[in-house]
């Protein structure tokens, strides 16, 4: 079932981790040392000769490097600031389905090389923009019309890249399923990973567990990709605003401690659920809908850096707001907040956000049909 918010922002505003991607490298060193010493002594009545042969120790070092990619691990200074004017890196040519256009961009994922992958919601496709070509994107999944065939998508809302399988994992919302598409050239259809789920957001931890929000059941579940069984991690107690409840959960982020952050959209707050707990903690908003720095209005995309600082796409307030760890009372607007519009310093319904490994901020600006990049200063 679709969700609609009737506002002047857009005729259809379904409310919307992370995800940014960074790499961590582990190194294993194996050292082999061989030492051989041979001593030969020959003695006669006249002289004594001693000969010593020594083989010098030889050391061989073998280095094996394993690289894993996840959305965690972006280091951003606590005092960081960003340019207040964004640069369009995808779309920005009006609403449409040409390769230089978007139609209601939702979830986005930024890869290590600053490739931007976007859930192009109303075009029922996934678009990819590379860093060296910000004019035209490439259709990498869907784009065959609205439908439920394996070669089609229907209103996708979130996307991530699974480096282990070199594939996209997509929240195919209106088809009530999570699908996987290979990134290999020539791929024409996906495969269903999870079905019969009203998915909105998804994320993955470093152990490759997949977390998916179900906005109809007001819960978040964790899946092993090889299995369809799941574990309830947040919510699941019906629609509501108690600490053990959610009201239309949208986007997700999971940190290294496996704490799950949820944009609790209709409760105008962000919740943090520590691992294996029955209740969440309000870490942003929760003071009713509004535009004060203590409030949020239909929060969507979110991200947490290595310091525990929380970044939120405050969609109906047209801003990105930052909450430092331990400060639940008030956030700081870091970009936007200059009224609704299409200016370089404005948004019209920011839906999702992500960071690259340098700390540059990317925002899916839904009703301006573009993705903006704000450079870190």
Protein backbone atom coordinates (compact mmCIF):
# COMPACT_ATOMS: atom_id res chain seq x y z
CA UNK A 1 0.00 0.00 0.00
CA UNK A 2 1.34 3.41 -0.92
CA UNK A 3 1.60 6.27 1.52
CA UNK A 4 0.66 9.77 0.47
CA UNK A 5 1.23 13.15 2.11
CA UNK A 6 -1.05 15.82 0.68
CA UNK A 7 0.96 19.03 0.67
CA UNK A 8 1.94 21.76 -1.68
CA UNK A 9 5.41 20.26 -1.93
CA UNK A 10 4.40 17.64 -4.44
CA UNK A 11 1.29 15.85 -5.59
CA UNK A 12 2.73 12.59 -4.35
CA UNK A 13 5.14 12.62 -1.45
CA UNK A 14 5.81 9.12 -0.21
CA UNK A 15 8.03 9.63 2.75
CA UNK A 16 11.57 8.33 2.44
CA UNK A 17 21.87 4.67 5.90
CA UNK A 18 23.67 5.03 3.34
CA UNK A 19 24.43 4.95 1.96
CA UNK A 20 28.24 6.25 1.67
CA UNK A 21 30.72 3.84 1.06
CA UNK A 22 34.24 3.54 2.51
CA UNK A 23 36.94 0.89 2.47
CA UNK A 24 38.79 -0.74 5.33
CA UNK A 25 41.88 -2.84 4.71
CA UNK A 26 43.26 -5.64 6.83
CA UNK A 27 46.81 -7.02 6.26
CA UNK A 28 48.11 -10.47 7.16
CA UNK A 29 51.90 -11.00 7.20
CA UNK A 30 53.53 -14.43 7.13
CA UNK A 31 57.27 -14.58 7.93
CA UNK A 32 59.48 -17.66 7.28
CA UNK A 33 63.04 -17.68 8.66
CA UNK A 34 65.60 -20.36 7.78
CA UNK A 35 69.06 -20.49 9.37
CA UNK A 36 71.60 -23.26 8.65
CA UNK A 37 75.04 -23.39 10.30
CA UNK A 38 77.64 -26.05 9.45
CA UNK A 39 80.95 -26.35 11.34
CA UNK A 40 83.75 -28.67 10.28
CA UNK A 41 86.88 -29.15 12.43
CA UNK A 42 90.02 -30.99 11.24
CA UNK A 43 92.94 -31.54 13.64
CA UNK A 44 96.55 -32.78 12.97
CA UNK A 45 99.66 -32.87 15.19
CA UNK A 46 101.07 -29.87 13.36
CA UNK A 47 98.16 -27.48 12.97
CA UNK A 48 94.55 -27.07 13.80
CA UNK A 49 92.24 -25.74 11.11
CA UNK A 50 88.69 -24.72 11.85
CA UNK A 51 86.26 -24.04 9.02
CA UNK A 52 82.86 -22.57 9.64
CA UNK A 53 80.18 -22.29 6.95
CA UNK A 54 77.18 -20.14 7.71
CA UNK A 55 73.99 -19.65 5.70
CA UNK A 56 72.53 -16.25 6.41
CA UNK A 57 68.96 -16.13 7.64
CA UNK A 58 66.49 -15.53 4.84
CA UNK A 59 63.17 -13.84 5.48
CA UNK A 60 60.23 -14.11 3.08
CA UNK A 61 57.20 -11.91 3.62
CA UNK A 62 53.84 -12.57 2.01
CA UNK A 63 51.13 -9.94 2.30
CA UNK A 64 47.47 -10.69 1.73
CA UNK A 65 45.03 -7.78 1.54
CA UNK A 66 41.31 -8.14 2.04
CA UNK A 67 39.06 -5.19 1.32
CA UNK A 68 35.49 -4.90 2.49
CA UNK A 69 33.16 -2.05 1.70
CA UNK A 70 30.38 -0.71 3.88
CA UNK A 71 28.68 2.59 4.59
CA UNK A 72 30.45 2.94 7.94
CA UNK A 73 33.82 4.53 8.50
CA UNK A 74 33.57 8.06 7.08
CA UNK A 75 35.70 10.39 9.21
CA UNK A 76 34.27 13.91 9.43
CA UNK A 77 35.61 16.58 11.76
CA UNK A 78 33.27 17.70 14.51
CA UNK A 79 33.74 21.27 13.27
CA UNK A 80 33.34 20.49 9.58
CA UNK A 81 31.53 22.94 7.33
CA UNK A 82 30.24 22.58 3.80
CA UNK A 83 29.79 24.94 0.89
CA UNK A 84 26.32 26.46 1.11
CA UNK A 85 25.83 26.26 -2.65
CA UNK A 86 25.43 22.82 -4.13
CA UNK A 87 26.65 21.59 -7.51
CA UNK A 88 24.32 19.40 -9.56
CA UNK A 89 25.95 16.03 -10.23
CA UNK A 90 22.88 14.19 -11.56
CA UNK A 91 19.71 15.38 -13.23
CA UNK A 92 18.80 19.03 -12.98
CA UNK A 93 17.29 19.22 -16.46
CA UNK A 94 13.67 19.13 -15.45
CA UNK A 95 11.51 16.14 -14.71
CA UNK A 96 11.69 13.46 -17.38
CA UNK A 97 13.04 10.09 -18.44
CA UNK A 98 15.95 11.10 -20.67
CA UNK A 99 19.40 9.98 -19.53
CA UNK A 100 20.18 13.50 -18.29
CA UNK A 101 16.97 13.67 -16.25
CA UNK A 102 15.42 12.26 -13.09
CA UNK A 103 11.87 12.00 -11.85
CA UNK A 104 11.55 12.15 -8.08
CA UNK A 105 14.94 10.75 -6.99
CA UNK A 106 14.75 8.89 -3.69
CA UNK A 107 17.53 6.73 -2.22
CA UNK A 108 21.12 7.18 -3.32
CA UNK A 109 24.45 5.43 -2.79
CA UNK A 110 27.91 6.93 -3.35
CA UNK A 111 30.67 4.47 -4.24
CA UNK A 112 34.38 4.77 -3.38
CA UNK A 113 35.16 6.39 -6.75
CA UNK A 114 32.33 8.96 -6.30
CA UNK A 115 30.00 7.11 -8.65
CA UNK A 116 26.44 8.04 -7.65
CA UNK A 117 23.65 5.46 -7.92
CA UNK A 118 20.07 6.71 -7.59
CA UNK A 119 16.63 5.17 -7.15
CA UNK A 120 14.81 7.13 -9.88
CA UNK A 121 11.41 6.61 -8.30
CA UNK A 122 8.84 7.74 -10.87
CA UNK A 123 10.90 6.47 -13.81
CA UNK A 124 10.96 2.99 -12.24
CA UNK A 125 14.68 2.58 -12.77
CA UNK A 126 18.11 2.81 -11.16
CA UNK A 127 20.45 5.41 -12.63
CA UNK A 128 24.21 5.63 -12.31
CA UNK A 129 26.31 8.77 -12.77
CA UNK A 130 30.09 8.59 -12.88
CA UNK A 131 32.33 11.33 -11.55
CA UNK A 132 33.72 12.15 -15.01
CA UNK A 133 30.30 12.58 -16.67
CA UNK A 134 27.72 14.56 -14.71
CA UNK A 135 25.62 15.28 -17.80
CA UNK A 136 24.25 11.87 -18.72
CA UNK A 137 23.55 8.90 -16.52
CA UNK A 138 23.25 5.23 -17.35
CA UNK A 139 20.25 2.99 -16.69
CA UNK A 140 21.61 0.05 -14.66
CA UNK A 141 18.35 -1.60 -13.55
CA UNK A 142 14.74 -1.34 -14.66
CA UNK A 143 13.84 1.36 -17.15
CA UNK A 144 11.50 -1.01 -18.99
CA UNK A 145 8.31 0.64 -17.86
CA UNK A 146 6.34 0.26 -14.65
CA UNK A 147 5.63 -3.39 -13.88
CA UNK A 148 6.35 -6.47 -11.81
CA UNK A 149 8.40 -8.49 -14.29
CA UNK A 150 11.92 -9.47 -13.28
CA UNK A 151 13.16 -6.96 -15.87
CA UNK A 152 11.06 -4.17 -14.34
CA UNK A 153 10.80 -2.03 -11.23
CA UNK A 154 7.87 -0.18 -9.71
CA UNK A 155 8.63 2.90 -7.63
CA UNK A 156 12.06 2.00 -6.19
CA UNK A 157 12.92 3.90 -3.01
CA UNK A 158 16.39 2.73 -1.95
CA UNK A 159 19.57 1.22 -3.38
CA UNK A 160 22.92 -0.09 -2.19
CA UNK A 161 25.94 -1.76 -3.78
CA UNK A 162 26.98 -5.17 -2.49
CA UNK A 163 30.69 -5.41 -3.34
CA UNK A 164 30.86 -9.08 -2.36
CA UNK A 165 28.60 -10.09 -5.26
CA UNK A 166 29.17 -6.97 -7.39
CA UNK A 167 25.45 -6.29 -7.48
CA UNK A 168 22.79 -3.72 -6.68
CA UNK A 169 20.26 -4.45 -3.95
CA UNK A 170 17.07 -2.49 -4.53
CA UNK A 171 13.98 -1.73 -2.49
CA UNK A 172 11.31 -2.23 -5.19
CA UNK A 173 8.62 -0.64 -3.10
CA UNK A 174 5.44 -0.81 -5.13
CA UNK A 175 6.19 -4.43 -6.05
CA UNK A 176 6.60 -5.17 -2.32
CA UNK A 177 9.93 -6.88 -2.78
CA UNK A 178 13.70 -6.54 -2.46
CA UNK A 179 15.57 -7.48 -5.63
CA UNK A 180 19.19 -7.94 -6.67
CA UNK A 181 20.63 -6.95 -10.04
CA UNK A 182 24.13 -7.88 -11.15
CA UNK A 183 26.39 -4.97 -12.12
CA UNK A 184 27.84 -6.97 -14.98
CA UNK A 185 27.36 -5.49 -18.41
CA UNK A 186 24.44 -7.00 -20.28
CA UNK A 187 22.30 -7.79 -17.23
CA UNK A 188 18.65 -7.55 -18.25
CA UNK A 189 16.77 -8.71 -15.16
CA UNK A 190 17.04 -9.12 -11.43
CA UNK A 191 16.24 -11.81 -8.89
CA UNK A 192 13.90 -11.59 -5.92
CA UNK A 193 15.62 -11.75 -2.52
CA UNK A 194 12.63 -10.92 -0.30
CA UNK A 195 8.98 -10.70 -1.28
CA UNK A 196 5.72 -9.70 0.38
CA UNK A 197 7.32 -6.81 2.23
CA UNK A 198 6.34 -3.14 2.19
CA UNK A 199 9.97 -2.09 2.02
CA UNK A 200 11.15 1.51 2.04
CA UNK A 201 14.77 1.65 3.17
CA UNK A 202 17.60 -0.84 3.39
CA UNK A 203 21.19 -1.06 4.57
CA UNK A 204 23.85 -3.70 5.15
CA UNK A 205 26.35 -4.25 7.98
CA UNK A 206 29.95 -5.43 7.64
CA UNK A 207 28.86 -9.04 8.17
CA UNK A 208 26.55 -8.70 5.17
CA UNK A 209 23.31 -8.87 7.12
CA UNK A 210 20.62 -6.91 5.29
CA UNK A 211 18.28 -4.60 7.23
CA UNK A 212 14.95 -3.62 5.66
CA UNK A 213 12.25 -1.26 6.92
CA UNK A 214 8.60 -2.29 6.50
CA UNK A 215 6.50 0.87 6.55
CA UNK A 216 3.21 -1.06 6.66
CA UNK A 217 4.14 -3.20 9.67
CA UNK A 218 6.08 -0.34 11.30
CA UNK A 219 9.18 -2.44 11.89
CA UNK A 220 12.72 -3.20 10.73
CA UNK A 221 13.92 -6.74 10.10
CA UNK A 222 17.37 -8.25 9.58
CA UNK A 223 18.00 -10.90 6.91
CA UNK A 224 20.80 -13.21 5.90
CA UNK A 225 21.05 -12.91 2.14
CA UNK A 226 21.12 -16.68 1.70
CA UNK A 227 17.93 -17.17 3.70
CA UNK A 228 14.41 -15.79 3.76
CA UNK A 229 14.11 -16.07 7.53
CA UNK A 230 14.43 -12.78 9.37
CA UNK A 231 14.89 -11.32 12.84
CA UNK A 232 12.90 -8.39 14.20
CA UNK A 233 15.30 -5.64 15.28
CA UNK A 234 13.09 -2.56 15.80
CA UNK A 235 9.39 -1.86 16.22
CA UNK A 236 6.92 -4.64 15.56
CA UNK A 237 4.52 -3.40 18.23
CA UNK A 238 2.07 -1.69 15.95
CA UNK A 239 1.84 1.90 14.82
CA UNK A 240 2.54 4.42 17.56
CA UNK A 241 4.93 6.85 19.20
CA UNK A 242 6.05 4.86 22.23
CA UNK A 243 9.74 3.94 22.53
CA UNK A 244 9.00 0.39 21.36
CA UNK A 245 7.00 1.58 18.36
CA UNK A 246 7.48 3.23 14.98
CA UNK A 247 5.15 5.09 12.63
CA UNK A 248 6.12 4.57 8.99
CA UNK A 249 9.86 3.85 9.25
CA UNK A 250 11.77 4.94 6.18
CA UNK A 251 15.55 5.04 5.85
CA UNK A 252 18.12 3.16 7.92
CA UNK A 253 21.72 3.24 9.08
CA UNK A 254 23.59 0.56 11.04
CA UNK A 255 26.83 1.38 12.86
CA UNK A 256 29.80 -0.81 13.80
CA UNK A 257 28.14 -1.77 17.09
CA UNK A 258 25.09 -2.99 15.13
CA UNK A 259 22.94 -0.21 16.54
CA UNK A 260 20.19 0.61 14.06
CA UNK A 261 19.12 4.20 13.33
CA UNK A 262 15.65 4.68 11.84
CA UNK A 263 13.99 7.75 10.35
CA UNK A 264 10.63 7.39 12.11
CA UNK A 265 8.92 9.47 9.48
CA UNK A 266 5.43 10.14 10.78
CA UNK A 267 6.65 10.54 14.35
CA UNK A 268 9.03 13.29 13.15
CA UNK A 269 12.00 11.77 14.94
CA UNK A 270 15.06 9.57 14.51
CA UNK A 271 15.29 6.49 16.72
CA UNK A 272 18.38 4.53 17.71
CA UNK A 273 17.94 0.89 18.69
CA UNK A 274 20.94 -0.69 20.34
CA UNK A 275 21.53 -4.34 19.54
CA UNK A 276 19.15 -6.80 21.24
CA UNK A 277 17.05 -4.15 22.98
CA UNK A 278 13.26 -3.92 23.15
CA UNK A 279 13.03 -0.13 23.05
CA UNK A 280 14.66 2.63 21.08
CA UNK A 281 16.15 5.98 22.07
CA UNK A 282 15.10 9.28 20.50
CA UNK A 283 18.32 10.80 19.12
CA UNK A 284 16.82 13.62 17.01
CA UNK A 285 13.48 15.37 16.93
CA UNK A 286 10.58 13.86 18.82
CA UNK A 287 9.29 17.31 19.80
CA UNK A 288 6.40 17.29 17.37
CA UNK A 289 6.38 18.40 13.75
CA UNK A 290 7.97 21.80 13.23
CA UNK A 291 10.90 23.79 11.89
CA UNK A 292 12.71 24.71 15.11
CA UNK A 293 16.19 23.22 15.56
CA UNK A 294 14.68 20.92 18.18
CA UNK A 295 12.21 19.53 15.64
CA UNK A 296 11.98 17.57 12.42
CA UNK A 297 9.29 17.40 9.77
CA UNK A 298 9.00 14.02 8.04
CA UNK A 299 12.69 13.04 8.30
CA UNK A 300 14.04 10.73 5.62
CA UNK A 301 17.64 9.82 4.70
CA UNK A 302 20.19 9.61 7.50
CA UNK A 303 23.88 8.95 8.06
CA UNK A 304 26.17 8.52 11.08
CA UNK A 305 29.91 9.23 10.92
CA UNK A 306 32.70 7.66 12.97
CA UNK A 307 32.26 10.24 15.76
CA UNK A 308 28.62 9.27 16.13
CA UNK A 309 27.38 12.51 14.59
CA UNK A 310 23.96 12.09 12.98
CA UNK A 311 22.97 13.76 9.68
CA UNK A 312 19.30 13.86 8.63
CA UNK A 313 17.47 14.88 5.46
CA UNK A 314 14.72 16.96 7.09
CA UNK A 315 12.49 16.70 4.06
CA UNK A 316 9.61 19.06 4.76
CA UNK A 317 11.92 21.66 6.28
CA UNK A 318 14.08 21.57 3.13
CA UNK A 319 17.36 21.25 5.00
CA UNK A 320 20.02 18.82 6.17
CA UNK A 321 20.43 18.94 9.91
CA UNK A 322 23.23 17.60 12.11
CA UNK A 323 22.99 16.24 15.65
CA UNK A 324 26.22 15.69 17.58
CA UNK A 325 26.46 12.63 19.79
CA UNK A 326 24.83 13.13 23.16
CA UNK A 327 22.95 16.28 22.11
CA UNK A 328 19.33 15.20 21.79
CA UNK A 329 17.91 18.67 22.37
CA UNK A 330 18.93 20.61 19.28
CA UNK A 331 20.52 20.14 15.89
CA UNK A 332 22.33 22.45 13.47
CA UNK A 333 21.30 23.08 9.87
CA UNK A 334 24.42 22.50 7.73
CA UNK A 335 22.94 23.10 4.26
CA UNK A 336 19.56 24.28 3.04
CA UNK A 337 17.04 25.86 5.37
CA UNK A 338 16.75 28.84 3.03
CA UNK A 339 13.16 28.30 2.03
CA UNK A 340 11.79 25.93 -0.55
CA UNK A 341 13.13 26.52 -4.05
CA UNK A 342 15.48 25.52 -6.84
CA UNK A 343 18.41 27.77 -5.96
CA UNK A 344 21.88 26.38 -5.38
CA UNK A 345 21.39 26.87 -1.63
CA UNK A 346 17.84 25.49 -1.56
CA UNK A 347 15.95 22.20 -1.64
CA UNK A 348 12.47 21.12 -2.57
CA UNK A 349 11.97 17.99 -0.53
CA UNK A 350 15.41 16.48 0.21
CA UNK A 351 14.77 12.75 0.25
CA UNK A 352 18.06 11.01 0.97
CA UNK A 353 21.70 11.86 1.65
CA UNK A 354 25.11 10.26 1.59
CA UNK A 355 28.80 11.14 1.93
CA UNK A 356 31.81 10.14 -0.13
CA UNK A 357 35.08 9.10 1.51
CA UNK A 358 36.32 12.71 1.43
CA UNK A 359 33.34 13.98 3.42
CA UNK A 360 31.52 15.68 0.54
CA UNK A 361 27.76 15.63 1.03
CA UNK A 362 25.29 14.37 -1.61
CA UNK A 363 21.55 15.06 -1.39
CA UNK A 364 18.70 13.65 -3.49
CA UNK A 365 16.57 16.77 -4.05
CA UNK A 366 13.32 15.04 -4.97
CA UNK A 367 11.07 17.73 -6.36
CA UNK A 368 13.91 19.55 -8.11
CA UNK A 369 14.71 16.23 -9.82
CA UNK A 370 18.42 16.45 -9.13
CA UNK A 371 21.26 15.31 -6.88
CA UNK A 372 23.35 18.08 -5.32
CA UNK A 373 26.90 17.80 -4.02
CA UNK A 374 28.10 20.12 -1.25
CA UNK A 375 31.88 20.20 -0.94
CA UNK A 376 33.44 19.95 2.50
CA UNK A 377 35.50 23.02 3.37
